Structures are given as C-alpha cells and as structure tokens.
Amino acid sequence: MNDAAVVALSPETVLGEMKKNGVTHVVWLPDSETNWLYLLMKAEPSLRLVGVSREGHACSIAAGLSVAGAKPLILIQNTGMMESGDSLRGWLLGLNIPVVLMVGYRGWTRHGVNQ
C-alpha cells in the first residue's frame, strides 16, 4: 500500500460523528492508540465515558445503557473482539440490542499511520 492510499480518521472527525449521531456514552477499554480521541471525548460535555477492564464488560454495560434509553458506543481494539465474543452473542445479538462498536486496529503492520 502506498502512502497515497492511506486514509486515517482524525480524532476530531470521529468525535464529530459521535455527536452528530447522538452518542450519549462511550464504553471503552483505554489503550494507547485512542489517547488523542480520549482527550477530546473527556472534554466533550455531551459524552459520558465509561471505562472497563475487559471488553466483555463493555457489551454488558452498553446493553444496559441502551435498554435504559441511552445511545452508547463501544470502543475497543480488534484483539478485544475475541475476548468479548460471548458477551456480544449473549447480550447484544441474543437480545437484539442495538449498539454500535467502533473497533480499532492493534497489530504490527501499521506502517507509521499512527505516528
């Protein structure tokens, strides 16, 4: 892939889309890749940040928020998708609870995109 083909979303663009779509809560597992987005989310008064220690917990918490009328978004890394599989199936898919997942990349082939 050449540099011209690399398109990266800025944290400002991501936050703008969250606000435009009425996201009320971001349920997330903190990581170094989302640090710049975190700083913007933390300063945004319309968002509540809910930190979790495991990705599976994010699904359970987001399901409860959604049932209560909130509009949560789950923010995790791709490696966390494996950890959250049972909660995804049991809570979100099994009960047909609509929650958006934003899944970031974690791996060794970024080629400097995040630098």
PDB file of N, CA and C in Angstrom:
ATOM      1  N   MET A   1       0.852  -1.171   0.000  1.00  0.00           N
ATOM      2  CA  MET A   1       0.000   0.000   0.000  1.00  0.00           C
ATOM      3  C   MET A   1       0.896   1.231   0.000  1.00  0.00           C
ATOM      4  N   ASN A   2       0.642   2.153  -0.904  1.00  0.00           N
ATOM      5  CA  ASN A   2       1.445   3.370  -0.926  1.00  0.00           C
ATOM      6  C   ASN A   2       0.835   4.426  -0.011  1.00  0.00           C
ATOM      7  N   ASP A   3       1.595   5.468   0.270  1.00  0.00           N
ATOM      8  CA  ASP A   3       1.137   6.499   1.197  1.00  0.00           C
ATOM      9  C   ASP A   3      -0.128   7.200   0.718  1.00  0.00           C
ATOM     10  N   ALA A   4      -0.304   7.327  -0.575  1.00  0.00           N
ATOM     11  CA  ALA A   4      -1.491   8.000  -1.108  1.00  0.00           C
ATOM     12  C   ALA A   4      -2.762   7.213  -0.809  1.00  0.00           C
ATOM     13  N   ALA A   5      -2.647   5.908  -0.624  1.00  0.00           N
ATOM     14  CA  ALA A   5      -3.822   5.079  -0.380  1.00  0.00           C
ATOM     15  C   ALA A   5      -4.204   5.034   1.097  1.00  0.00           C
ATOM     16  N   VAL A   6      -3.362   5.548   1.975  1.00  0.00           N
ATOM     17  CA  VAL A   6      -3.632   5.509   3.407  1.00  0.00           C
ATOM     18  C   VAL A   6      -4.523   6.688   3.782  1.00  0.00           C
ATOM     19  N   VAL A   7      -5.667   6.367   4.354  1.00  0.00           N
ATOM     20  CA  VAL A   7      -6.581   7.390   4.819  1.00  0.00           C
ATOM     21  C   VAL A   7      -6.829   7.123   6.296  1.00  0.00           C
ATOM     22  N   ALA A   8      -6.547   8.084   7.125  1.00  0.00           N
ATOM     23  CA  ALA A   8      -6.738   7.921   8.561  1.00  0.00           C
ATOM     24  C   ALA A   8      -7.808   8.891   9.045  1.00  0.00           C
ATOM     25  N   LEU A   9      -8.621   8.434   9.959  1.00  0.00           N
ATOM     26  CA  LEU A   9      -9.617   9.299  10.566  1.00  0.00           C
ATOM     27  C   LEU A   9      -8.963  10.094  11.682  1.00  0.00           C
ATOM     28  N   SER A  10      -9.218  11.368  11.710  1.00  0.00           N
ATOM     29  CA  SER A  10      -8.691  12.178  12.801  1.00  0.00           C
ATOM     30  C   SER A  10      -9.604  12.024  14.018  1.00  0.00           C
ATOM     31  N   PRO A  11      -9.064  12.213  15.221  1.00  0.00           N
ATOM     32  CA  PRO A  11      -9.909  12.162  16.416  1.00  0.00           C
ATOM     33  C   PRO A  11     -11.049  13.180  16.354  1.00  0.00           C
ATOM     34  N   GLU A  12     -10.795  14.339  15.776  1.00  0.00           N
ATOM     35  CA  GLU A  12     -11.833  15.364  15.652  1.00  0.00           C
ATOM     36  C   GLU A  12     -12.987  14.894  14.769  1.00  0.00           C
ATOM     37  N   THR A  13     -12.664  14.200  13.685  1.00  0.00           N
ATOM     38  CA  THR A  13     -13.703  13.670  12.797  1.00  0.00           C
ATOM     39  C   THR A  13     -14.536  12.613  13.506  1.00  0.00           C
ATOM     40  N   VAL A  14     -13.869  11.719  14.222  1.00  0.00           N
ATOM     41  CA  VAL A  14     -14.579  10.655  14.945  1.00  0.00           C
ATOM     42  C   VAL A  14     -15.505  11.261  15.992  1.00  0.00           C
ATOM     43  N   LEU A  15     -15.013  12.205  16.773  1.00  0.00           N
ATOM     44  CA  LEU A  15     -15.840  12.850  17.792  1.00  0.00           C
ATOM     45  C   LEU A  15     -17.016  13.581  17.149  1.00  0.00           C
ATOM     46  N   GLY A  16     -16.781  14.256  16.047  1.00  0.00           N
ATOM     47  CA  GLY A  16     -17.860  14.944  15.349  1.00  0.00           C
ATOM     48  C   GLY A  16     -18.961  13.989  14.908  1.00  0.00           C
ATOM     49  N   GLU A  17     -18.588  12.818  14.428  1.00  0.00           N
ATOM     50  CA  GLU A  17     -19.584  11.817  14.018  1.00  0.00           C
ATOM     51  C   GLU A  17     -20.344  11.267  15.219  1.00  0.00           C
ATOM     52  N   MET A  18     -19.657  11.089  16.336  1.00  0.00           N
ATOM     53  CA  MET A  18     -20.347  10.645  17.557  1.00  0.00           C
ATOM     54  C   MET A  18     -21.421  11.653  17.947  1.00  0.00           C
ATOM     55  N   LYS A  19     -21.053  12.921  17.957  1.00  0.00           N
ATOM     56  CA  LYS A  19     -22.001  13.969  18.336  1.00  0.00           C
ATOM     57  C   LYS A  19     -23.145  14.057  17.335  1.00  0.00           C
ATOM     58  N   LYS A  20     -22.826  13.986  16.053  1.00  0.00           N
ATOM     59  CA  LYS A  20     -23.847  14.075  15.006  1.00  0.00           C
ATOM     60  C   LYS A  20     -24.861  12.936  15.119  1.00  0.00           C
ATOM     61  N   ASN A  21     -24.412  11.780  15.583  1.00  0.00           N
ATOM     62  CA  ASN A  21     -25.289  10.618  15.690  1.00  0.00           C
ATOM     63  C   ASN A  21     -25.891  10.437  17.079  1.00  0.00           C
ATOM     64  N   GLY A  22     -25.704  11.404  17.954  1.00  0.00           N
ATOM     65  CA  GLY A  22     -26.373  11.387  19.252  1.00  0.00           C
ATOM     66  C   GLY A  22     -25.827  10.405  20.271  1.00  0.00           C
ATOM     67  N   VAL A  23     -24.566  10.024  20.142  1.00  0.00           N
ATOM     68  CA  VAL A  23     -23.972   9.104  21.119  1.00  0.00           C
ATOM     69  C   VAL A  23     -23.958   9.783  22.486  1.00  0.00           C
ATOM     70  N   THR A  24     -24.446   9.070  23.510  1.00  0.00           N
ATOM     71  CA  THR A  24     -24.506   9.622  24.867  1.00  0.00           C
ATOM     72  C   THR A  24     -23.391   9.098  25.763  1.00  0.00           C
ATOM     73  N   HIS A  25     -22.960   7.863  25.520  1.00  0.00           N
ATOM     74  CA  HIS A  25     -21.939   7.219  26.349  1.00  0.00           C
ATOM     75  C   HIS A  25     -20.934   6.509  25.449  1.00  0.00           C
ATOM     76  N   VAL A  26     -19.677   6.542  25.846  1.00  0.00           N
ATOM     77  CA  VAL A  26     -18.649   5.740  25.186  1.00  0.00           C
ATOM     78  C   VAL A  26     -18.136   4.757  26.229  1.00  0.00           C
ATOM     79  N   VAL A  27     -18.410   3.484  25.987  1.00  0.00           N
ATOM     80  CA  VAL A  27     -17.963   2.418  26.881  1.00  0.00           C
ATOM     81  C   VAL A  27     -16.706   1.853  26.248  1.00  0.00           C
ATOM     82  N   TRP A  28     -15.588   1.961  26.951  1.00  0.00           N
ATOM     83  CA  TRP A  28     -14.326   1.672  26.279  1.00  0.00           C
ATOM     84  C   TRP A  28     -13.287   1.100  27.222  1.00  0.00           C
ATOM     85  N   LEU A  29     -12.347   0.425  26.613  1.00  0.00           N
ATOM     86  CA  LEU A  29     -11.173  -0.071  27.318  1.00  0.00           C
ATOM     87  C   LEU A  29     -10.018   0.834  26.912  1.00  0.00           C
ATOM     88  N   PRO A  30      -9.500   1.642  27.836  1.00  0.00           N
ATOM     89  CA  PRO A  30      -8.424   2.574  27.485  1.00  0.00           C
ATOM     90  C   PRO A  30      -7.215   1.876  26.862  1.00  0.00           C
ATOM     91  N   ASP A  31      -6.640   2.513  25.857  1.00  0.00           N
ATOM     92  CA  ASP A  31      -5.429   1.989  25.214  1.00  0.00           C
ATOM     93  C   ASP A  31      -4.652   3.155  24.614  1.00  0.00           C
ATOM     94  N   SER A  32      -3.418   2.900  24.259  1.00  0.00           N
ATOM     95  CA  SER A  32      -2.550   3.972  23.763  1.00  0.00           C
ATOM     96  C   SER A  32      -2.961   4.481  22.382  1.00  0.00           C
ATOM     97  N   GLU A  33      -3.607   3.663  21.580  1.00  0.00           N
ATOM     98  CA  GLU A  33      -3.983   4.069  20.221  1.00  0.00           C
ATOM     99  C   GLU A  33      -5.099   5.106  20.202  1.00  0.00           C
ATOM    100  N   THR A  34      -5.938   5.124  21.238  1.00  0.00           N
ATOM    101  CA  THR A  34      -7.067   6.059  21.251  1.00  0.00           C
ATOM    102  C   THR A  34      -6.832   7.243  22.191  1.00  0.00           C
ATOM    103  N   ASN A  35      -5.590   7.483  22.578  1.00  0.00           N
ATOM    104  CA  ASN A  35      -5.293   8.552  23.526  1.00  0.00           C
ATOM    105  C   ASN A  35      -5.766   9.918  23.047  1.00  0.00           C
ATOM    106  N   TRP A  36      -5.520  10.279  21.788  1.00  0.00           N
ATOM    107  CA  TRP A  36      -5.929  11.601  21.299  1.00  0.00           C
ATOM    108  C   TRP A  36      -7.447  11.722  21.254  1.00  0.00           C
ATOM    109  N   LEU A  37      -8.118  10.655  20.896  1.00  0.00           N
ATOM    110  CA  LEU A  37      -9.579  10.662  20.911  1.00  0.00           C
ATOM    111  C   LEU A  37     -10.082  10.780  22.345  1.00  0.00           C
ATOM    112  N   TYR A  38      -9.444  10.077  23.269  1.00  0.00           N
ATOM    113  CA  TYR A  38      -9.832  10.149  24.681  1.00  0.00           C
ATOM    114  C   TYR A  38      -9.793  11.585  25.195  1.00  0.00           C
ATOM    115  N   LEU A  39      -8.736  12.309  24.890  1.00  0.00           N
ATOM    116  CA  LEU A  39      -8.613  13.687  25.370  1.00  0.00           C
ATOM    117  C   LEU A  39      -9.774  14.549  24.876  1.00  0.00           C
ATOM    118  N   LEU A  40     -10.189  14.350  23.638  1.00  0.00           N
ATOM    119  CA  LEU A  40     -11.331  15.099  23.098  1.00  0.00           C
ATOM    120  C   LEU A  40     -12.648  14.643  23.724  1.00  0.00           C
ATOM    121  N   MET A  41     -12.823  13.324  23.879  1.00  0.00           N
ATOM    122  CA  MET A  41     -14.059  12.813  24.473  1.00  0.00           C
ATOM    123  C   MET A  41     -14.207  13.299  25.907  1.00  0.00           C
ATOM    124  N   LYS A  42     -13.114  13.297  26.647  1.00  0.00           N
ATOM    125  CA  LYS A  42     -13.127  13.727  28.050  1.00  0.00           C
ATOM    126  C   LYS A  42     -13.574  15.183  28.182  1.00  0.00           C
ATOM    127  N   ALA A  43     -13.216  16.007  27.224  1.00  0.00           N
ATOM    128  CA  ALA A  43     -13.570  17.428  27.259  1.00  0.00           C
ATOM    129  C   ALA A  43     -14.965  17.714  26.703  1.00  0.00           C
ATOM    130  N   GLU A  44     -15.620  16.722  26.122  1.00  0.00           N
ATOM    131  CA  GLU A  44     -16.929  16.909  25.484  1.00  0.00           C
ATOM    132  C   GLU A  44     -18.044  16.725  26.522  1.00  0.00           C
ATOM    133  N   PRO A  45     -18.776  17.801  26.862  1.00  0.00           N
ATOM    134  CA  PRO A  45     -19.795  17.697  27.909  1.00  0.00           C
ATOM    135  C   PRO A  45     -20.989  16.804  27.564  1.00  0.00           C
ATOM    136  N   SER A  46     -21.237  16.548  26.294  1.00  0.00           N
ATOM    137  CA  SER A  46     -22.388  15.717  25.926  1.00  0.00           C
ATOM    138  C   SER A  46     -22.103  14.221  26.032  1.00  0.00           C
ATOM    139  N   LEU A  47     -20.852  13.843  26.288  1.00  0.00           N
ATOM    140  CA  LEU A  47     -20.480  12.424  26.371  1.00  0.00           C
ATOM    141  C   LEU A  47     -20.137  12.019  27.793  1.00  0.00           C
ATOM    142  N   ARG A  48     -20.542  10.814  28.147  1.00  0.00           N
ATOM    143  CA  ARG A  48     -20.092  10.212  29.402  1.00  0.00           C
ATOM    144  C   ARG A  48     -19.186   9.049  29.038  1.00  0.00           C
ATOM    145  N   LEU A  49     -18.012   9.027  29.629  1.00  0.00           N
ATOM    146  CA  LEU A  49     -17.059   7.949  29.381  1.00  0.00           C
ATOM    147  C   LEU A  49     -17.187   6.907  30.474  1.00  0.00           C
ATOM    148  N   VAL A  50     -17.296   5.654  30.051  1.00  0.00           N
ATOM    149  CA  VAL A  50     -17.384   4.541  30.987  1.00  0.00           C
ATOM    150  C   VAL A  50     -16.227   3.607  30.683  1.00  0.00           C
ATOM    151  N   GLY A  51     -15.207   3.647  31.512  1.00  0.00           N
ATOM    152  CA  GLY A  51     -14.053   2.780  31.314  1.00  0.00           C
ATOM    153  C   GLY A  51     -14.315   1.390  31.871  1.00  0.00           C
ATOM    154  N   VAL A  52     -13.821   0.384  31.181  1.00  0.00           N
ATOM    155  CA  VAL A  52     -13.981  -1.004  31.620  1.00  0.00           C
ATOM    156  C   VAL A  52     -12.611  -1.680  31.655  1.00  0.00           C
ATOM    157  N   SER A  53     -12.549  -2.807  32.345  1.00  0.00           N
ATOM    158  CA  SER A  53     -11.284  -3.541  32.423  1.00  0.00           C
ATOM    159  C   SER A  53     -11.232  -4.721  31.459  1.00  0.00           C
ATOM    160  N   ARG A  54     -12.377  -5.111  30.907  1.00  0.00           N
ATOM    161  CA  ARG A  54     -12.439  -6.199  29.924  1.00  0.00           C
ATOM    162  C   ARG A  54     -13.479  -5.840  28.869  1.00  0.00           C
ATOM    163  N   GLU A  55     -13.216  -6.235  27.641  1.00  0.00           N
ATOM    164  CA  GLU A  55     -14.110  -5.896  26.536  1.00  0.00           C
ATOM    165  C   GLU A  55     -15.495  -6.510  26.706  1.00  0.00           C
ATOM    166  N   GLY A  56     -15.566  -7.698  27.280  1.00  0.00           N
ATOM    167  CA  GLY A  56     -16.861  -8.331  27.510  1.00  0.00           C
ATOM    168  C   GLY A  56     -17.748  -7.510  28.429  1.00  0.00           C
ATOM    169  N   HIS A  57     -17.133  -6.837  29.399  1.00  0.00           N
ATOM    170  CA  HIS A  57     -17.901  -5.971  30.291  1.00  0.00           C
ATOM    171  C   HIS A  57     -18.511  -4.809  29.520  1.00  0.00           C
ATOM    172  N   ALA A  58     -17.815  -4.334  28.507  1.00  0.00           N
ATOM    173  CA  ALA A  58     -18.327  -3.221  27.700  1.00  0.00           C
ATOM    174  C   ALA A  58     -19.664  -3.586  27.062  1.00  0.00           C
ATOM    175  N   CYS A  59     -19.788  -4.810  26.589  1.00  0.00           N
ATOM    176  CA  CYS A  59     -21.043  -5.248  25.959  1.00  0.00           C
ATOM    177  C   CYS A  59     -22.183  -5.259  26.970  1.00  0.00           C
ATOM    178  N   SER A  60     -21.931  -5.776  28.167  1.00  0.00           N
ATOM    179  CA  SER A  60     -22.968  -5.833  29.200  1.00  0.00           C
ATOM    180  C   SER A  60     -23.407  -4.437  29.617  1.00  0.00           C
ATOM    181  N   ILE A  61     -22.450  -3.558  29.840  1.00  0.00           N
ATOM    182  CA  ILE A  61     -22.772  -2.191  30.264  1.00  0.00           C
ATOM    183  C   ILE A  61     -23.504  -1.441  29.157  1.00  0.00           C
ATOM    184  N   ALA A  62     -23.032  -1.561  27.934  1.00  0.00           N
ATOM    185  CA  ALA A  62     -23.687  -0.880  26.813  1.00  0.00           C
ATOM    186  C   ALA A  62     -25.102  -1.409  26.599  1.00  0.00           C
ATOM    187  N   ALA A  63     -25.306  -2.700  26.795  1.00  0.00           N
ATOM    188  CA  ALA A  63     -26.652  -3.269  26.666  1.00  0.00           C
ATOM    189  C   ALA A  63     -27.588  -2.635  27.685  1.00  0.00           C
ATOM    190  N   GLY A  64     -27.143  -2.525  28.926  1.00  0.00           N
ATOM    191  CA  GLY A  64     -27.962  -1.900  29.961  1.00  0.00           C
ATOM    192  C   GLY A  64     -28.258  -0.439  29.660  1.00  0.00           C
ATOM    193  N   LEU A  65     -27.255   0.282  29.194  1.00  0.00           N
ATOM    194  CA  LEU A  65     -27.464   1.689  28.832  1.00  0.00           C
ATOM    195  C   LEU A  65     -28.478   1.825  27.702  1.00  0.00           C
ATOM    196  N   SER A  66     -28.379   0.955  26.711  1.00  0.00           N
ATOM    197  CA  SER A  66     -29.292   1.006  25.575  1.00  0.00           C
ATOM    198  C   SER A  66     -30.730   0.712  26.006  1.00  0.00           C
ATOM    199  N   VAL A  67     -30.902  -0.305  26.834  1.00  0.00           N
ATOM    200  CA  VAL A  67     -32.237  -0.650  27.328  1.00  0.00           C
ATOM    201  C   VAL A  67     -32.824   0.512  28.134  1.00  0.00           C
ATOM    202  N   ALA A  68     -31.955   1.269  28.815  1.00  0.00           N
ATOM    203  CA  ALA A  68     -32.405   2.408  29.621  1.00  0.00           C
ATOM    204  C   ALA A  68     -32.666   3.660  28.784  1.00  0.00           C
ATOM    205  N   GLY A  69     -32.449   3.587  27.469  1.00  0.00           N
ATOM    206  CA  GLY A  69     -32.755   4.712  26.595  1.00  0.00           C
ATOM    207  C   GLY A  69     -31.565   5.538  26.153  1.00  0.00           C
ATOM    208  N   ALA A  70     -30.365   5.179  26.592  1.00  0.00           N
ATOM    209  CA  ALA A  70     -29.165   5.899  26.165  1.00  0.00           C
ATOM    210  C   ALA A  70     -28.739   5.408  24.783  1.00  0.00           C
ATOM    211  N   LYS A  71     -27.764   6.073  24.213  1.00  0.00           N
ATOM    212  CA  LYS A  71     -27.234   5.683  22.906  1.00  0.00           C
ATOM    213  C   LYS A  71     -25.719   5.477  23.044  1.00  0.00           C
ATOM    214  N   PRO A  72     -25.325   4.299  23.573  1.00  0.00           N
ATOM    215  CA  PRO A  72     -23.905   4.046  23.813  1.00  0.00           C
ATOM    216  C   PRO A  72     -23.161   3.595  22.560  1.00  0.00           C
ATOM    217  N   LEU A  73     -21.851   3.786  22.610  1.00  0.00           N
ATOM    218  CA  LEU A  73     -20.943   3.287  21.591  1.00  0.00           C
ATOM    219  C   LEU A  73     -19.848   2.532  22.329  1.00  0.00           C
ATOM    220  N   ILE A  74     -19.483   1.358  21.836  1.00  0.00           N
ATOM    221  CA  ILE A  74     -18.392   0.584  22.417  1.00  0.00           C
ATOM    222  C   ILE A  74     -17.139   0.861  21.602  1.00  0.00           C
ATOM    223  N   LEU A  75     -16.055   1.206  22.282  1.00  0.00           N
ATOM    224  CA  LEU A  75     -14.778   1.497  21.633  1.00  0.00           C
ATOM    225  C   LEU A  75     -13.733   0.524  22.173  1.00  0.00           C
ATOM    226  N   ILE A  76     -13.325  -0.445  21.325  1.00  0.00           N
ATOM    227  CA  ILE A  76     -12.344  -1.450  21.727  1.00  0.00           C
ATOM    228  C   ILE A  76     -11.379  -1.710  20.574  1.00  0.00           C
ATOM    229  N   GLN A  77     -10.327  -2.471  20.862  1.00  0.00           N
ATOM    230  CA  GLN A  77      -9.383  -2.876  19.824  1.00  0.00           C
ATOM    231  C   GLN A  77      -9.814  -4.216  19.232  1.00  0.00           C
ATOM    232  N   ASN A  78      -9.292  -4.510  18.046  1.00  0.00           N
ATOM    233  CA  ASN A  78      -9.667  -5.755  17.370  1.00  0.00           C
ATOM    234  C   ASN A  78      -9.311  -6.989  18.194  1.00  0.00           C
ATOM    235  N   THR A  79      -8.233  -6.935  18.965  1.00  0.00           N
ATOM    236  CA  THR A  79      -7.879  -8.090  19.792  1.00  0.00           C
ATOM    237  C   THR A  79      -8.926  -8.335  20.873  1.00  0.00           C
ATOM    238  N   GLY A  80      -9.637  -7.296  21.274  1.00  0.00           N
ATOM    239  CA  GLY A  80     -10.679  -7.437  22.279  1.00  0.00           C
ATOM    240  C   GLY A  80     -11.954  -8.061  21.752  1.00  0.00           C
ATOM    241  N   MET A  81     -12.112  -8.110  20.444  1.00  0.00           N
ATOM    242  CA  MET A  81     -13.298  -8.764  19.878  1.00  0.00           C
ATOM    243  C   MET A  81     -13.356 -10.228  20.296  1.00  0.00           C
ATOM    244  N   MET A  82     -12.207 -10.881  20.358  1.00  0.00           N
ATOM    245  CA  MET A  82     -12.183 -12.289  20.776  1.00  0.00           C
ATOM    246  C   MET A  82     -12.626 -12.416  22.230  1.00  0.00           C
ATOM    247  N   GLU A  83     -12.143 -11.521  23.081  1.00  0.00           N
ATOM    248  CA  GLU A  83     -12.491 -11.576  24.500  1.00  0.00           C
ATOM    249  C   GLU A  83     -13.976 -11.306  24.713  1.00  0.00           C
ATOM    250  N   SER A  84     -14.565 -10.479  23.888  1.00  0.00           N
ATOM    251  CA  SER A  84     -15.956 -10.082  24.091  1.00  0.00           C
ATOM    252  C   SER A  84     -16.961 -10.971  23.367  1.00  0.00           C
ATOM    253  N   GLY A  85     -16.501 -12.006  22.705  1.00  0.00           N
ATOM    254  CA  GLY A  85     -17.383 -12.837  21.883  1.00  0.00           C
ATOM    255  C   GLY A  85     -18.623 -13.350  22.584  1.00  0.00           C
ATOM    256  N   ASP A  86     -18.482 -13.897  23.779  1.00  0.00           N
ATOM    257  CA  ASP A  86     -19.635 -14.452  24.482  1.00  0.00           C
ATOM    258  C   ASP A  86     -20.621 -13.358  24.875  1.00  0.00           C
ATOM    259  N   SER A  87     -20.109 -12.213  25.305  1.00  0.00           N
ATOM    260  CA  SER A  87     -20.997 -11.103  25.668  1.00  0.00           C
ATOM    261  C   SER A  87     -21.686 -10.508  24.446  1.00  0.00           C
ATOM    262  N   LEU A  88     -20.966 -10.428  23.338  1.00  0.00           N
ATOM    263  CA  LEU A  88     -21.588  -9.968  22.089  1.00  0.00           C
ATOM    264  C   LEU A  88     -22.756 -10.870  21.709  1.00  0.00           C
ATOM    265  N   ARG A  89     -22.507 -12.169  21.749  1.00  0.00           N
ATOM    266  CA  ARG A  89     -23.541 -13.125  21.383  1.00  0.00           C
ATOM    267  C   ARG A  89     -24.699 -13.111  22.380  1.00  0.00           C
ATOM    268  N   GLY A  90     -24.371 -13.156  23.661  1.00  0.00           N
ATOM    269  CA  GLY A  90     -25.405 -13.281  24.678  1.00  0.00           C
ATOM    270  C   GLY A  90     -26.227 -12.029  24.912  1.00  0.00           C
ATOM    271  N   TRP A  91     -25.571 -10.885  24.965  1.00  0.00           N
ATOM    272  CA  TRP A  91     -26.280  -9.642  25.252  1.00  0.00           C
ATOM    273  C   TRP A  91     -26.770  -8.934  23.993  1.00  0.00           C
ATOM    274  N   LEU A  92     -25.858  -8.563  23.144  1.00  0.00           N
ATOM    275  CA  LEU A  92     -26.235  -7.707  22.022  1.00  0.00           C
ATOM    276  C   LEU A  92     -26.975  -8.468  20.929  1.00  0.00           C
ATOM    277  N   LEU A  93     -26.394  -9.559  20.451  1.00  0.00           N
ATOM    278  CA  LEU A  93     -27.047 -10.321  19.383  1.00  0.00           C
ATOM    279  C   LEU A  93     -28.213 -11.144  19.911  1.00  0.00           C
ATOM    280  N   GLY A  94     -28.009 -11.826  21.034  1.00  0.00           N
ATOM    281  CA  GLY A  94     -29.046 -12.703  21.583  1.00  0.00           C
ATOM    282  C   GLY A  94     -30.313 -11.976  21.976  1.00  0.00           C
ATOM    283  N   LEU A  95     -30.174 -10.772  22.466  1.00  0.00           N
ATOM    284  CA  LEU A  95     -31.334  -9.993  22.891  1.00  0.00           C
ATOM    285  C   LEU A  95     -31.705  -8.900  21.892  1.00  0.00           C
ATOM    286  N   ASN A  96     -31.017  -8.877  20.756  1.00  0.00           N
ATOM    287  CA  ASN A  96     -31.294  -7.907  19.694  1.00  0.00           C
ATOM    288  C   ASN A  96     -31.229  -6.462  20.203  1.00  0.00           C
ATOM    289  N   ILE A  97     -30.149  -6.169  20.926  1.00  0.00           N
ATOM    290  CA  ILE A  97     -29.948  -4.825  21.465  1.00  0.00           C
ATOM    291  C   ILE A  97     -29.019  -4.061  20.523  1.00  0.00           C
ATOM    292  N   PRO A  98     -29.494  -2.941  19.983  1.00  0.00           N
ATOM    293  CA  PRO A  98     -28.671  -2.196  19.023  1.00  0.00           C
ATOM    294  C   PRO A  98     -27.590  -1.353  19.704  1.00  0.00           C
ATOM    295  N   VAL A  99     -26.348  -1.705  19.479  1.00  0.00           N
ATOM    296  CA  VAL A  99     -25.209  -0.945  19.996  1.00  0.00           C
ATOM    297  C   VAL A  99     -24.152  -0.906  18.900  1.00  0.00           C
ATOM    298  N   VAL A 100     -23.572   0.264  18.687  1.00  0.00           N
ATOM    299  CA  VAL A 100     -22.511   0.418  17.694  1.00  0.00           C
ATOM    300  C   VAL A 100     -21.171   0.089  18.343  1.00  0.00           C
ATOM    301  N   LEU A 101     -20.359  -0.695  17.638  1.00  0.00           N
ATOM    302  CA  LEU A 101     -18.995  -0.982  18.073  1.00  0.00           C
ATOM    303  C   LEU A 101     -18.027  -0.271  17.145  1.00  0.00           C
ATOM    304  N   MET A 102     -17.094   0.464  17.719  1.00  0.00           N
ATOM    305  CA  MET A 102     -16.006   1.053  16.955  1.00  0.00           C
ATOM    306  C   MET A 102     -14.767   0.252  17.344  1.00  0.00           C
ATOM    307  N   VAL A 103     -14.237  -0.479  16.388  1.00  0.00           N
ATOM    308  CA  VAL A 103     -13.140  -1.401  16.663  1.00  0.00           C
ATOM    309  C   VAL A 103     -11.868  -0.876  16.014  1.00  0.00           C
ATOM    310  N   GLY A 104     -10.898  -0.552  16.849  1.00  0.00           N
ATOM    311  CA  GLY A 104      -9.617  -0.063  16.368  1.00  0.00           C
ATOM    312  C   GLY A 104      -8.661  -1.207  16.098  1.00  0.00           C
ATOM    313  N   TYR A 105      -7.640  -0.912  15.333  1.00  0.00           N
ATOM    314  CA  TYR A 105      -6.656  -1.926  14.946  1.00  0.00           C
ATOM    315  C   TYR A 105      -5.520  -1.984  15.952  1.00  0.00           C
ATOM    316  N   ARG A 106      -5.122  -3.190  16.287  1.00  0.00           N
ATOM    317  CA  ARG A 106      -3.921  -3.399  17.087  1.00  0.00           C
ATOM    318  C   ARG A 106      -3.103  -4.460  16.390  1.00  0.00           C
ATOM    319  N   GLY A 107      -1.875  -4.155  16.097  1.00  0.00           N
ATOM    320  CA  GLY A 107      -1.023  -5.112  15.414  1.00  0.00           C
ATOM    321  C   GLY A 107       0.296  -4.489  15.017  1.00  0.00           C
ATOM    322  N   TRP A 108       1.037  -5.210  14.213  1.00  0.00           N
ATOM    323  CA  TRP A 108       2.396  -4.813  13.882  1.00  0.00           C
ATOM    324  C   TRP A 108       2.547  -4.259  12.475  1.00  0.00           C
ATOM    325  N   THR A 109       1.500  -4.066  11.734  1.00  0.00           N
ATOM    326  CA  THR A 109       1.643  -3.637  10.340  1.00  0.00           C
ATOM    327  C   THR A 109       1.039  -2.262  10.086  1.00  0.00           C
ATOM    328  N   ARG A 110       1.134  -1.361  11.027  1.00  0.00           N
ATOM    329  CA  ARG A 110       0.558  -0.024  10.862  1.00  0.00           C
ATOM    330  C   ARG A 110       1.321   0.808   9.850  1.00  0.00           C
ATOM    331  N   HIS A 111       2.567   0.521   9.626  1.00  0.00           N
ATOM    332  CA  HIS A 111       3.380   1.258   8.649  1.00  0.00           C
ATOM    333  C   HIS A 111       3.406   2.759   8.927  1.00  0.00           C
ATOM    334  N   GLY A 112       3.428   3.129  10.200  1.00  0.00           N
ATOM    335  CA  GLY A 112       3.568   4.534  10.553  1.00  0.00           C
ATOM    336  C   GLY A 112       2.313   5.367  10.479  1.00  0.00           C
ATOM    337  N   VAL A 113       1.162   4.763  10.268  1.00  0.00           N
ATOM    338  CA  VAL A 113      -0.073   5.528  10.131  1.00  0.00           C
ATOM    339  C   VAL A 113      -0.366   6.326  11.395  1.00  0.00           C
ATOM    340  N   ASN A 114      -0.071   5.778  12.562  1.00  0.00           N
ATOM    341  CA  ASN A 114      -0.412   6.432  13.820  1.00  0.00           C
ATOM    342  C   ASN A 114       0.728   7.280  14.381  1.00  0.00           C
ATOM    343  N   GLN A 115       1.757   7.532  13.601  1.00  0.00           N
ATOM    344  CA  GLN A 115       2.888   8.298  14.119  1.00  0.00           C
ATOM    345  C   GLN A 115       2.717   9.773  13.857  1.00  0.00           C
TER     346      GLN A 115
END
